Structures are given as C-alpha cells and as structure tokens.
Amino acid sequence: VASISSDGSTYYEDSVKGRFTISRD
C-alpha cells in the first residue's frame, strides 16, 4: 500500500495516493 525509507521518502500505491499517509517515529 505504501512504504517509507529510513530518511522519510515515501511511496504510495496509486489507489491510495492523496488519501493515505505513511509515517514513522
């Protein structure tokens, strides 16, 4: 669905772009 790198860059599957947000602490 989505991924996030160690430095914070993100990827989203097309169907969820603009609706989902991935983050990490």
mmCIF file of all heavy atoms, coordinates in Angstrom:
data_MODEL
# 
_entry.id   MODEL 
# 
loop_
_atom_site.group_PDB 
_atom_site.id 
_atom_site.type_symbol 
_atom_site.label_atom_id 
_atom_site.label_alt_id 
_atom_site.label_comp_id 
_atom_site.label_asym_id 
_atom_site.label_entity_id 
_atom_site.label_seq_id 
_atom_site.pdbx_PDB_ins_code 
_atom_site.Cartn_x 
_atom_site.Cartn_y 
_atom_site.Cartn_z 
_atom_site.occupancy 
_atom_site.B_iso_or_equiv 
_atom_site.pdbx_formal_charge 
_atom_site.auth_seq_id 
_atom_site.auth_comp_id 
_atom_site.auth_asym_id 
_atom_site.auth_atom_id 
_atom_site.pdbx_PDB_model_num 
ATOM 1   N N   . VAL A 1 1  ? 0.826  -1.200 0.000   1.00 0.00 ? 1  VAL A N   1 
ATOM 2   C CA  . VAL A 1 1  ? 0.000  0.000  0.000   1.00 0.00 ? 1  VAL A CA  1 
ATOM 3   C C   . VAL A 1 1  ? 0.862  1.252  0.000   1.00 0.00 ? 1  VAL A C   1 
ATOM 4   O O   . VAL A 1 1  ? 0.607  2.204  -0.747  1.00 0.00 ? 1  VAL A O   1 
ATOM 5   C CB  . VAL A 1 1  ? -0.947 0.011  1.215   1.00 0.00 ? 1  VAL A CB  1 
ATOM 6   C CG1 . VAL A 1 1  ? -1.733 1.314  1.270   1.00 0.00 ? 1  VAL A CG1 1 
ATOM 7   C CG2 . VAL A 1 1  ? -1.890 -1.182 1.152   1.00 0.00 ? 1  VAL A CG2 1 
ATOM 8   N N   . ALA A 1 2  ? 1.864  1.266  0.857   1.00 0.00 ? 2  ALA A N   1 
ATOM 9   C CA  . ALA A 1 2  ? 2.738  2.421  0.991   1.00 0.00 ? 2  ALA A CA  1 
ATOM 10  C C   . ALA A 1 2  ? 4.035  1.997  1.637   1.00 0.00 ? 2  ALA A C   1 
ATOM 11  O O   . ALA A 1 2  ? 4.079  1.011  2.370   1.00 0.00 ? 2  ALA A O   1 
ATOM 12  C CB  . ALA A 1 2  ? 2.073  3.516  1.833   1.00 0.00 ? 2  ALA A CB  1 
ATOM 13  N N   . SER A 1 3  ? 5.091  2.736  1.379   1.00 0.00 ? 3  SER A N   1 
ATOM 14  C CA  . SER A 1 3  ? 6.375  2.461  2.010   1.00 0.00 ? 3  SER A CA  1 
ATOM 15  C C   . SER A 1 3  ? 7.055  3.768  2.369   1.00 0.00 ? 3  SER A C   1 
ATOM 16  O O   . SER A 1 3  ? 6.741  4.828  1.818   1.00 0.00 ? 3  SER A O   1 
ATOM 17  C CB  . SER A 1 3  ? 7.274  1.620  1.105   1.00 0.00 ? 3  SER A CB  1 
ATOM 18  O OG  . SER A 1 3  ? 7.622  2.322  -0.074  1.00 0.00 ? 3  SER A OG  1 
ATOM 19  N N   . ILE A 1 4  ? 7.992  3.662  3.290   1.00 0.00 ? 4  ILE A N   1 
ATOM 20  C CA  . ILE A 1 4  ? 8.745  4.830  3.719   1.00 0.00 ? 4  ILE A CA  1 
ATOM 21  C C   . ILE A 1 4  ? 10.175 4.410  3.999   1.00 0.00 ? 4  ILE A C   1 
ATOM 22  O O   . ILE A 1 4  ? 10.431 3.396  4.649   1.00 0.00 ? 4  ILE A O   1 
ATOM 23  C CB  . ILE A 1 4  ? 8.091  5.492  4.954   1.00 0.00 ? 4  ILE A CB  1 
ATOM 24  C CG1 . ILE A 1 4  ? 8.842  6.766  5.347   1.00 0.00 ? 4  ILE A CG1 1 
ATOM 25  C CG2 . ILE A 1 4  ? 7.993  4.517  6.120   1.00 0.00 ? 4  ILE A CG2 1 
ATOM 26  C CD1 . ILE A 1 4  ? 8.078  7.618  6.358   1.00 0.00 ? 4  ILE A CD1 1 
ATOM 27  N N   . SER A 1 5  ? 11.116 5.165  3.492   1.00 0.00 ? 5  SER A N   1 
ATOM 28  C CA  . SER A 1 5  ? 12.521 4.857  3.675   1.00 0.00 ? 5  SER A CA  1 
ATOM 29  C C   . SER A 1 5  ? 12.996 5.336  5.038   1.00 0.00 ? 5  SER A C   1 
ATOM 30  O O   . SER A 1 5  ? 12.279 6.022  5.773   1.00 0.00 ? 5  SER A O   1 
ATOM 31  C CB  . SER A 1 5  ? 13.359 5.501  2.578   1.00 0.00 ? 5  SER A CB  1 
ATOM 32  O OG  . SER A 1 5  ? 13.392 6.907  2.736   1.00 0.00 ? 5  SER A OG  1 
ATOM 33  N N   . SER A 1 6  ? 14.234 4.999  5.355   1.00 0.00 ? 6  SER A N   1 
ATOM 34  C CA  . SER A 1 6  ? 14.792 5.424  6.629   1.00 0.00 ? 6  SER A CA  1 
ATOM 35  C C   . SER A 1 6  ? 14.921 6.941  6.727   1.00 0.00 ? 6  SER A C   1 
ATOM 36  O O   . SER A 1 6  ? 14.900 7.489  7.831   1.00 0.00 ? 6  SER A O   1 
ATOM 37  C CB  . SER A 1 6  ? 16.158 4.770  6.853   1.00 0.00 ? 6  SER A CB  1 
ATOM 38  O OG  . SER A 1 6  ? 17.069 5.128  5.832   1.00 0.00 ? 6  SER A OG  1 
ATOM 39  N N   . ASP A 1 7  ? 15.053 7.617  5.581   1.00 0.00 ? 7  ASP A N   1 
ATOM 40  C CA  . ASP A 1 7  ? 15.168 9.069  5.597   1.00 0.00 ? 7  ASP A CA  1 
ATOM 41  C C   . ASP A 1 7  ? 13.849 9.788  5.337   1.00 0.00 ? 7  ASP A C   1 
ATOM 42  O O   . ASP A 1 7  ? 13.822 11.009 5.218   1.00 0.00 ? 7  ASP A O   1 
ATOM 43  C CB  . ASP A 1 7  ? 16.230 9.545  4.613   1.00 0.00 ? 7  ASP A CB  1 
ATOM 44  C CG  . ASP A 1 7  ? 15.886 9.265  3.158   1.00 0.00 ? 7  ASP A CG  1 
ATOM 45  O OD1 . ASP A 1 7  ? 14.771 8.781  2.877   1.00 0.00 ? 7  ASP A OD1 1 
ATOM 46  O OD2 . ASP A 1 7  ? 16.734 9.542  2.295   1.00 0.00 ? 7  ASP A OD2 1 
ATOM 47  N N   . GLY A 1 8  ? 12.761 9.013  5.208   1.00 0.00 ? 8  GLY A N   1 
ATOM 48  C CA  . GLY A 1 8  ? 11.455 9.621  5.115   1.00 0.00 ? 8  GLY A CA  1 
ATOM 49  C C   . GLY A 1 8  ? 10.828 9.722  3.739   1.00 0.00 ? 8  GLY A C   1 
ATOM 50  O O   . GLY A 1 8  ? 9.696  10.212 3.620   1.00 0.00 ? 8  GLY A O   1 
ATOM 51  N N   . SER A 1 9  ? 11.509 9.287  2.700   1.00 0.00 ? 9  SER A N   1 
ATOM 52  C CA  . SER A 1 9  ? 10.896 9.310  1.380   1.00 0.00 ? 9  SER A CA  1 
ATOM 53  C C   . SER A 1 9  ? 9.791  8.268  1.319   1.00 0.00 ? 9  SER A C   1 
ATOM 54  O O   . SER A 1 9  ? 9.907  7.191  1.911   1.00 0.00 ? 9  SER A O   1 
ATOM 55  C CB  . SER A 1 9  ? 11.929 9.080  0.287   1.00 0.00 ? 9  SER A CB  1 
ATOM 56  O OG  . SER A 1 9  ? 12.535 7.805  0.427   1.00 0.00 ? 9  SER A OG  1 
ATOM 57  N N   . THR A 1 10 ? 8.723  8.574  0.598   1.00 0.00 ? 10 THR A N   1 
ATOM 58  C CA  . THR A 1 10 ? 7.539  7.724  0.619   1.00 0.00 ? 10 THR A CA  1 
ATOM 59  C C   . THR A 1 10 ? 7.114  7.270  -0.763  1.00 0.00 ? 10 THR A C   1 
ATOM 60  O O   . THR A 1 10 ? 7.428  7.901  -1.780  1.00 0.00 ? 10 THR A O   1 
ATOM 61  C CB  . THR A 1 10 ? 6.357  8.439  1.282   1.00 0.00 ? 10 THR A CB  1 
ATOM 62  O OG1 . THR A 1 10 ? 6.083  9.659  0.580   1.00 0.00 ? 10 THR A OG1 1 
ATOM 63  C CG2 . THR A 1 10 ? 6.667  8.760  2.733   1.00 0.00 ? 10 THR A CG2 1 
ATOM 64  N N   . TYR A 1 11 ? 6.385  6.177  -0.771  1.00 0.00 ? 11 TYR A N   1 
ATOM 65  C CA  . TYR A 1 11 ? 5.776  5.634  -1.974  1.00 0.00 ? 11 TYR A CA  1 
ATOM 66  C C   . TYR A 1 11 ? 4.353  5.237  -1.635  1.00 0.00 ? 11 TYR A C   1 
ATOM 67  O O   . TYR A 1 11 ? 4.085  4.732  -0.542  1.00 0.00 ? 11 TYR A O   1 
ATOM 68  C CB  . TYR A 1 11 ? 6.541  4.400  -2.469  1.00 0.00 ? 11 TYR A CB  1 
ATOM 69  C CG  . TYR A 1 11 ? 5.709  3.522  -3.380  1.00 0.00 ? 11 TYR A CG  1 
ATOM 70  C CD1 . TYR A 1 11 ? 5.607  3.786  -4.736  1.00 0.00 ? 11 TYR A CD1 1 
ATOM 71  C CD2 . TYR A 1 11 ? 4.992  2.439  -2.862  1.00 0.00 ? 11 TYR A CD2 1 
ATOM 72  C CE1 . TYR A 1 11 ? 4.821  3.003  -5.559  1.00 0.00 ? 11 TYR A CE1 1 
ATOM 73  C CE2 . TYR A 1 11 ? 4.202  1.652  -3.685  1.00 0.00 ? 11 TYR A CE2 1 
ATOM 74  C CZ  . TYR A 1 11 ? 4.117  1.936  -5.035  1.00 0.00 ? 11 TYR A CZ  1 
ATOM 75  O OH  . TYR A 1 11 ? 3.330  1.160  -5.858  1.00 0.00 ? 11 TYR A OH  1 
ATOM 76  N N   . TYR A 1 12 ? 3.429  5.448  -2.594  1.00 0.00 ? 12 TYR A N   1 
ATOM 77  C CA  . TYR A 1 12 ? 2.043  5.059  -2.408  1.00 0.00 ? 12 TYR A CA  1 
ATOM 78  C C   . TYR A 1 12 ? 1.519  4.338  -3.638  1.00 0.00 ? 12 TYR A C   1 
ATOM 79  O O   . TYR A 1 12 ? 1.810  4.735  -4.776  1.00 0.00 ? 12 TYR A O   1 
ATOM 80  C CB  . TYR A 1 12 ? 1.152  6.272  -2.144  1.00 0.00 ? 12 TYR A CB  1 
ATOM 81  C CG  . TYR A 1 12 ? 1.499  7.007  -0.883  1.00 0.00 ? 12 TYR A CG  1 
ATOM 82  C CD1 . TYR A 1 12 ? 2.341  8.111  -0.915  1.00 0.00 ? 12 TYR A CD1 1 
ATOM 83  C CD2 . TYR A 1 12 ? 0.991  6.597  0.348   1.00 0.00 ? 12 TYR A CD2 1 
ATOM 84  C CE1 . TYR A 1 12 ? 2.671  8.783  0.254   1.00 0.00 ? 12 TYR A CE1 1 
ATOM 85  C CE2 . TYR A 1 12 ? 1.315  7.265  1.513   1.00 0.00 ? 12 TYR A CE2 1 
ATOM 86  C CZ  . TYR A 1 12 ? 2.156  8.355  1.462   1.00 0.00 ? 12 TYR A CZ  1 
ATOM 87  O OH  . TYR A 1 12 ? 2.482  9.026  2.617   1.00 0.00 ? 12 TYR A OH  1 
ATOM 88  N N   . GLU A 1 13 ? 0.755  3.298  -3.402  1.00 0.00 ? 13 GLU A N   1 
ATOM 89  C CA  . GLU A 1 13 ? 0.046  2.645  -4.481  1.00 0.00 ? 13 GLU A CA  1 
ATOM 90  C C   . GLU A 1 13 ? -0.968 3.642  -5.042  1.00 0.00 ? 13 GLU A C   1 
ATOM 91  O O   . GLU A 1 13 ? -1.536 4.448  -4.303  1.00 0.00 ? 13 GLU A O   1 
ATOM 92  C CB  . GLU A 1 13 ? -0.634 1.385  -3.945  1.00 0.00 ? 13 GLU A CB  1 
ATOM 93  C CG  . GLU A 1 13 ? -1.148 0.438  -5.000  1.00 0.00 ? 13 GLU A CG  1 
ATOM 94  C CD  . GLU A 1 13 ? -2.553 0.785  -5.432  1.00 0.00 ? 13 GLU A CD  1 
ATOM 95  O OE1 . GLU A 1 13 ? -3.336 1.254  -4.586  1.00 0.00 ? 13 GLU A OE1 1 
ATOM 96  O OE2 . GLU A 1 13 ? -2.864 0.587  -6.619  1.00 0.00 ? 13 GLU A OE2 1 
ATOM 97  N N   . ASP A 1 14 ? -1.184 3.589  -6.339  1.00 0.00 ? 14 ASP A N   1 
ATOM 98  C CA  . ASP A 1 14 ? -1.994 4.607  -7.000  1.00 0.00 ? 14 ASP A CA  1 
ATOM 99  C C   . ASP A 1 14 ? -3.374 4.807  -6.373  1.00 0.00 ? 14 ASP A C   1 
ATOM 100 O O   . ASP A 1 14 ? -3.853 5.939  -6.260  1.00 0.00 ? 14 ASP A O   1 
ATOM 101 C CB  . ASP A 1 14 ? -2.162 4.273  -8.484  1.00 0.00 ? 14 ASP A CB  1 
ATOM 102 C CG  . ASP A 1 14 ? -0.903 4.505  -9.288  1.00 0.00 ? 14 ASP A CG  1 
ATOM 103 O OD1 . ASP A 1 14 ? 0.010  5.179  -8.793  1.00 0.00 ? 14 ASP A OD1 1 
ATOM 104 O OD2 . ASP A 1 14 ? -0.835 4.005  -10.431 1.00 0.00 ? 14 ASP A OD2 1 
ATOM 105 N N   . SER A 1 15 ? -4.002 3.728  -5.974  1.00 0.00 ? 15 SER A N   1 
ATOM 106 C CA  . SER A 1 15 ? -5.371 3.823  -5.482  1.00 0.00 ? 15 SER A CA  1 
ATOM 107 C C   . SER A 1 15 ? -5.495 4.552  -4.145  1.00 0.00 ? 15 SER A C   1 
ATOM 108 O O   . SER A 1 15 ? -6.601 4.947  -3.767  1.00 0.00 ? 15 SER A O   1 
ATOM 109 C CB  . SER A 1 15 ? -5.996 2.435  -5.368  1.00 0.00 ? 15 SER A CB  1 
ATOM 110 O OG  . SER A 1 15 ? -5.392 1.675  -4.345  1.00 0.00 ? 15 SER A OG  1 
ATOM 111 N N   . VAL A 1 16 ? -4.389 4.727  -3.434  1.00 0.00 ? 16 VAL A N   1 
ATOM 112 C CA  . VAL A 1 16 ? -4.457 5.387  -2.132  1.00 0.00 ? 16 VAL A CA  1 
ATOM 113 C C   . VAL A 1 16 ? -3.774 6.743  -2.110  1.00 0.00 ? 16 VAL A C   1 
ATOM 114 O O   . VAL A 1 16 ? -3.820 7.432  -1.081  1.00 0.00 ? 16 VAL A O   1 
ATOM 115 C CB  . VAL A 1 16 ? -3.869 4.499  -1.011  1.00 0.00 ? 16 VAL A CB  1 
ATOM 116 C CG1 . VAL A 1 16 ? -4.501 3.113  -1.042  1.00 0.00 ? 16 VAL A CG1 1 
ATOM 117 C CG2 . VAL A 1 16 ? -2.356 4.400  -1.123  1.00 0.00 ? 16 VAL A CG2 1 
ATOM 118 N N   . LYS A 1 17 ? -3.170 7.138  -3.206  1.00 0.00 ? 17 LYS A N   1 
ATOM 119 C CA  . LYS A 1 17 ? -2.494 8.438  -3.265  1.00 0.00 ? 17 LYS A CA  1 
ATOM 120 C C   . LYS A 1 17 ? -3.477 9.566  -2.965  1.00 0.00 ? 17 LYS A C   1 
ATOM 121 O O   . LYS A 1 17 ? -4.581 9.598  -3.487  1.00 0.00 ? 17 LYS A O   1 
ATOM 122 C CB  . LYS A 1 17 ? -1.866 8.655  -4.639  1.00 0.00 ? 17 LYS A CB  1 
ATOM 123 C CG  . LYS A 1 17 ? -0.634 7.824  -4.906  1.00 0.00 ? 17 LYS A CG  1 
ATOM 124 C CD  . LYS A 1 17 ? -0.062 8.114  -6.288  1.00 0.00 ? 17 LYS A CD  1 
ATOM 125 C CE  . LYS A 1 17 ? 1.182  7.293  -6.553  1.00 0.00 ? 17 LYS A CE  1 
ATOM 126 N NZ  . LYS A 1 17 ? 1.707  7.523  -7.925  1.00 0.00 ? 17 LYS A NZ  1 
ATOM 127 N N   . GLY A 1 18 ? -3.044 10.461 -2.112  1.00 0.00 ? 18 GLY A N   1 
ATOM 128 C CA  . GLY A 1 18 ? -3.888 11.584 -1.733  1.00 0.00 ? 18 GLY A CA  1 
ATOM 129 C C   . GLY A 1 18 ? -4.827 11.287 -0.596  1.00 0.00 ? 18 GLY A C   1 
ATOM 130 O O   . GLY A 1 18 ? -5.449 12.213 -0.056  1.00 0.00 ? 18 GLY A O   1 
ATOM 131 N N   . ARG A 1 19 ? -4.948 10.020 -0.224  1.00 0.00 ? 19 ARG A N   1 
ATOM 132 C CA  . ARG A 1 19 ? -5.855 9.641  0.847   1.00 0.00 ? 19 ARG A CA  1 
ATOM 133 C C   . ARG A 1 19 ? -5.119 9.076  2.062   1.00 0.00 ? 19 ARG A C   1 
ATOM 134 O O   . ARG A 1 19 ? -5.547 9.286  3.197   1.00 0.00 ? 19 ARG A O   1 
ATOM 135 C CB  . ARG A 1 19 ? -6.864 8.599  0.361   1.00 0.00 ? 19 ARG A CB  1 
ATOM 136 C CG  . ARG A 1 19 ? -7.735 9.088  -0.785  1.00 0.00 ? 19 ARG A CG  1 
ATOM 137 C CD  . ARG A 1 19 ? -8.857 8.090  -1.097  1.00 0.00 ? 19 ARG A CD  1 
ATOM 138 N NE  . ARG A 1 19 ? -8.349 6.793  -1.526  1.00 0.00 ? 19 ARG A NE  1 
ATOM 139 C CZ  . ARG A 1 19 ? -8.576 5.648  -0.887  1.00 0.00 ? 19 ARG A CZ  1 
ATOM 140 N NH1 . ARG A 1 19 ? -9.327 5.632  0.211   1.00 0.00 ? 19 ARG A NH1 1 
ATOM 141 N NH2 . ARG A 1 19 ? -8.084 4.507  -1.359  1.00 0.00 ? 19 ARG A NH2 1 
ATOM 142 N N   . PHE A 1 20 ? -4.027 8.340  1.813   1.00 0.00 ? 20 PHE A N   1 
ATOM 143 C CA  . PHE A 1 20 ? -3.267 7.708  2.885   1.00 0.00 ? 20 PHE A CA  1 
ATOM 144 C C   . PHE A 1 20 ? -1.937 8.431  3.070   1.00 0.00 ? 20 PHE A C   1 
ATOM 145 O O   . PHE A 1 20 ? -1.347 8.938  2.110   1.00 0.00 ? 20 PHE A O   1 
ATOM 146 C CB  . PHE A 1 20 ? -2.973 6.244  2.560   1.00 0.00 ? 20 PHE A CB  1 
ATOM 147 C CG  . PHE A 1 20 ? -4.169 5.333  2.566   1.00 0.00 ? 20 PHE A CG  1 
ATOM 148 C CD1 . PHE A 1 20 ? -5.466 5.823  2.666   1.00 0.00 ? 20 PHE A CD1 1 
ATOM 149 C CD2 . PHE A 1 20 ? -3.982 3.966  2.470   1.00 0.00 ? 20 PHE A CD2 1 
ATOM 150 C CE1 . PHE A 1 20 ? -6.557 4.967  2.664   1.00 0.00 ? 20 PHE A CE1 1 
ATOM 151 C CE2 . PHE A 1 20 ? -5.060 3.099  2.469   1.00 0.00 ? 20 PHE A CE2 1 
ATOM 152 C CZ  . PHE A 1 20 ? -6.345 3.594  2.566   1.00 0.00 ? 20 PHE A CZ  1 
ATOM 153 N N   . THR A 1 21 ? -1.451 8.431  4.297   1.00 0.00 ? 21 THR A N   1 
ATOM 154 C CA  . THR A 1 21 ? -0.150 8.998  4.606   1.00 0.00 ? 21 THR A CA  1 
ATOM 155 C C   . THR A 1 21 ? 0.614  8.040  5.508   1.00 0.00 ? 21 THR A C   1 
ATOM 156 O O   . THR A 1 21 ? 0.130  7.685  6.585   1.00 0.00 ? 21 THR A O   1 
ATOM 157 C CB  . THR A 1 21 ? -0.274 10.359 5.299   1.00 0.00 ? 21 THR A CB  1 
ATOM 158 O OG1 . THR A 1 21 ? -1.008 11.264 4.472   1.00 0.00 ? 21 THR A OG1 1 
ATOM 159 C CG2 . THR A 1 21 ? 1.112  10.945 5.561   1.00 0.00 ? 21 THR A CG2 1 
ATOM 160 N N   . ILE A 1 22 ? 1.786  7.631  5.062   1.00 0.00 ? 22 ILE A N   1 
ATOM 161 C CA  . ILE A 1 22 ? 2.635  6.769  5.869   1.00 0.00 ? 22 ILE A CA  1 
ATOM 162 C C   . ILE A 1 22 ? 3.665  7.628  6.595   1.00 0.00 ? 22 ILE A C   1 
ATOM 163 O O   . ILE A 1 22 ? 4.176  8.605  6.042   1.00 0.00 ? 22 ILE A O   1 
ATOM 164 C CB  . ILE A 1 22 ? 3.317  5.690  4.998   1.00 0.00 ? 22 ILE A CB  1 
ATOM 165 C CG1 . ILE A 1 22 ? 4.045  4.659  5.866   1.00 0.00 ? 22 ILE A CG1 1 
ATOM 166 C CG2 . ILE A 1 22 ? 4.260  6.314  3.978   1.00 0.00 ? 22 ILE A CG2 1 
ATOM 167 C CD1 . ILE A 1 22 ? 4.553  3.452  5.083   1.00 0.00 ? 22 ILE A CD1 1 
ATOM 168 N N   . SER A 1 23 ? 3.956  7.272  7.827   1.00 0.00 ? 23 SER A N   1 
ATOM 169 C CA  . SER A 1 23 ? 4.944  7.994  8.603   1.00 0.00 ? 23 SER A CA  1 
ATOM 170 C C   . SER A 1 23 ? 5.588  7.036  9.592   1.00 0.00 ? 23 SER A C   1 
ATOM 171 O O   . SER A 1 23 ? 5.124  5.912  9.775   1.00 0.00 ? 23 SER A O   1 
ATOM 172 C CB  . SER A 1 23 ? 4.324  9.194  9.327   1.00 0.00 ? 23 SER A CB  1 
ATOM 173 O OG  . SER A 1 23 ? 3.316  8.775  10.233  1.00 0.00 ? 23 SER A OG  1 
ATOM 174 N N   . ARG A 1 24 ? 6.656  7.492  10.223  1.00 0.00 ? 24 ARG A N   1 
ATOM 175 C CA  . ARG A 1 24 ? 7.332  6.646  11.195  1.00 0.00 ? 24 ARG A CA  1 
ATOM 176 C C   . ARG A 1 24 ? 7.904  7.494  12.314  1.00 0.00 ? 24 ARG A C   1 
ATOM 177 O O   . ARG A 1 24 ? 8.278  8.655  12.123  1.00 0.00 ? 24 ARG A O   1 
ATOM 178 C CB  . ARG A 1 24 ? 8.438  5.818  10.527  1.00 0.00 ? 24 ARG A CB  1 
ATOM 179 C CG  . ARG A 1 24 ? 9.599  6.642  9.961   1.00 0.00 ? 24 ARG A CG  1 
ATOM 180 C CD  . ARG A 1 24 ? 10.469 5.810  9.018   1.00 0.00 ? 24 ARG A CD  1 
ATOM 181 N NE  . ARG A 1 24 ? 11.087 4.689  9.695   1.00 0.00 ? 24 ARG A NE  1 
ATOM 182 C CZ  . ARG A 1 24 ? 11.653 3.650  9.073   1.00 0.00 ? 24 ARG A CZ  1 
ATOM 183 N NH1 . ARG A 1 24 ? 11.648 3.598  7.743   1.00 0.00 ? 24 ARG A NH1 1 
ATOM 184 N NH2 . ARG A 1 24 ? 12.198 2.668  9.776   1.00 0.00 ? 24 ARG A NH2 1 
ATOM 185 N N   . ASP A 1 25 ? 7.978  6.900  13.483  1.00 0.00 ? 25 ASP A N   1 
ATOM 186 C CA  . ASP A 1 25 ? 8.614  7.502  14.640  1.00 0.00 ? 25 ASP A CA  1 
ATOM 187 C C   . ASP A 1 25 ? 9.703  6.533  15.065  1.00 0.00 ? 25 ASP A C   1 
ATOM 188 O O   . ASP A 1 25 ? 9.438  5.544  15.749  1.00 0.00 ? 25 ASP A O   1 
ATOM 189 C CB  . ASP A 1 25 ? 7.607  7.735  15.757  1.00 0.00 ? 25 ASP A CB  1 
ATOM 190 C CG  . ASP A 1 25 ? 8.204  8.492  16.926  1.00 0.00 ? 25 ASP A CG  1 
ATOM 191 O OD1 . ASP A 1 25 ? 9.438  8.486  17.093  1.00 0.00 ? 25 ASP A OD1 1 
ATOM 192 O OD2 . ASP A 1 25 ? 7.427  9.101  17.692  1.00 0.00 ? 25 ASP A OD2 1 
# 
